[in-house]
Protein backbone atom coordinates (compact mmCIF):
# COMPACT_ATOMS: atom_id res chain seq x y z
CA MET A 1 -65.59 13.25 -16.03
CA LEU A 2 -63.39 11.30 -18.42
CA ILE A 3 -65.22 8.04 -17.64
CA HIS A 4 -68.56 9.76 -18.34
CA ARG A 5 -67.29 11.00 -21.71
CA ILE A 6 -66.01 7.53 -22.64
CA PHE A 7 -69.32 5.89 -21.68
CA ALA A 8 -71.28 8.52 -23.62
CA PHE A 9 -69.06 8.00 -26.68
CA VAL A 10 -69.48 4.21 -26.61
CA ALA A 11 -73.23 4.43 -25.86
CA CYS A 12 -73.68 6.72 -28.86
CA ARG A 13 -72.16 4.09 -31.15
CA SER A 14 -73.49 0.89 -29.57
CA HIS A 15 -77.22 0.41 -29.05
CA ALA A 16 -76.67 -2.54 -26.70
CA PHE A 17 -74.25 -0.58 -24.51
CA GLY A 18 -76.54 2.45 -24.56
CA LYS A 19 -79.45 0.30 -23.41
CA LEU A 20 -77.30 -1.14 -20.62
CA ILE A 21 -76.22 2.30 -19.41
CA LYS A 22 -79.35 4.37 -20.11
CA GLY A 23 -82.03 1.68 -19.84
CA SER A 24 -85.04 1.44 -22.12
CA ASP A 25 -88.41 3.11 -22.41
CA VAL A 26 -91.33 1.69 -20.41
CA LYS A 27 -95.02 1.72 -21.38
CA LEU A 28 -97.08 3.32 -18.60
CA VAL A 29 -100.42 3.70 -20.40
CA SER A 30 -101.93 1.54 -23.11
CA ASP A 31 -105.29 2.42 -24.72
CA GLY A 32 -106.23 4.72 -21.85
CA LYS A 33 -105.44 2.13 -19.15
CA VAL A 34 -102.70 2.90 -16.63
CA ASP A 35 -100.19 0.12 -15.85
CA TRP A 36 -99.96 0.71 -12.10
CA LYS A 37 -97.37 -2.04 -11.65
CA ALA A 38 -94.98 -0.34 -14.11
CA MET A 39 -95.68 3.03 -12.49
CA LYS A 40 -94.81 1.68 -9.04
CA HIS A 41 -91.72 -0.17 -10.28
CA HIS A 42 -90.32 2.99 -11.90
CA LEU A 43 -91.38 5.30 -9.05
CA VAL A 44 -93.78 7.40 -11.12
CA SER A 45 -96.67 8.75 -9.06
CA LYS A 46 -100.20 9.34 -10.28
CA HIS A 47 -99.56 13.06 -9.77
CA ASP A 48 -96.42 12.93 -11.96
CA LEU A 49 -98.39 11.25 -14.74
CA GLU A 50 -101.26 13.74 -14.45
CA GLU A 51 -98.88 16.72 -14.50
CA ASP A 52 -97.08 15.52 -17.63
CA LEU A 53 -100.43 14.65 -19.21
CA ARG A 54 -101.58 18.26 -18.78
CA LEU A 55 -98.27 19.78 -19.85
CA SER A 56 -97.34 17.50 -22.77
CA ALA A 57 -100.65 16.18 -24.10
CA ALA A 58 -102.76 19.25 -23.23
CA THR A 59 -105.54 17.12 -21.74
CA GLU A 60 -106.67 15.85 -18.35
CA ASP A 61 -108.43 12.78 -19.75
CA ILE A 62 -106.24 9.65 -19.72
CA GLU A 63 -108.88 7.93 -21.91
CA LYS A 64 -107.72 10.14 -24.81
CA VAL A 65 -104.21 8.64 -24.63
CA LYS A 66 -103.28 5.71 -26.85
CA THR A 67 -99.82 5.24 -25.31
CA ALA A 68 -97.68 6.91 -22.66
CA ARG A 69 -94.07 5.93 -22.16
CA LEU A 70 -91.45 6.75 -19.58
CA GLU A 71 -88.54 7.61 -21.86
CA ARG A 72 -84.86 6.92 -21.24
CA SER A 73 -84.37 10.62 -20.55
CA GLY A 74 -86.84 10.45 -17.64
CA GLY A 75 -89.65 12.35 -19.37
CA ILE A 76 -93.06 10.92 -20.19
CA SER A 77 -94.22 11.00 -23.82
CA PHE A 78 -97.85 10.71 -24.91
CA ILE A 79 -99.49 9.54 -28.14
CA LYS A 80 -103.13 10.56 -28.32
CA LYS A 81 -105.86 8.39 -29.82
CA GLU A 82 -107.08 9.41 -33.26
CA SER A 83 -110.36 11.31 -33.11
């Protein structure tokens, strides 16, 4: 537990160390097009993406999404296209 606290403390103060420990965000969708290679590499299934799309973006249409990213926390964030 002490090692975890030390790593968290250092990661909070150093972006480079935080990126090393926590990783970085990954773009999964760009202009409504799914990056299947990134999805496979990061073990995100089509069903996971669809579920988060419904829950977070309140839509079932991937074409309405400008960008979707797998965040460092493990969640998927969505930015919708402007109407």
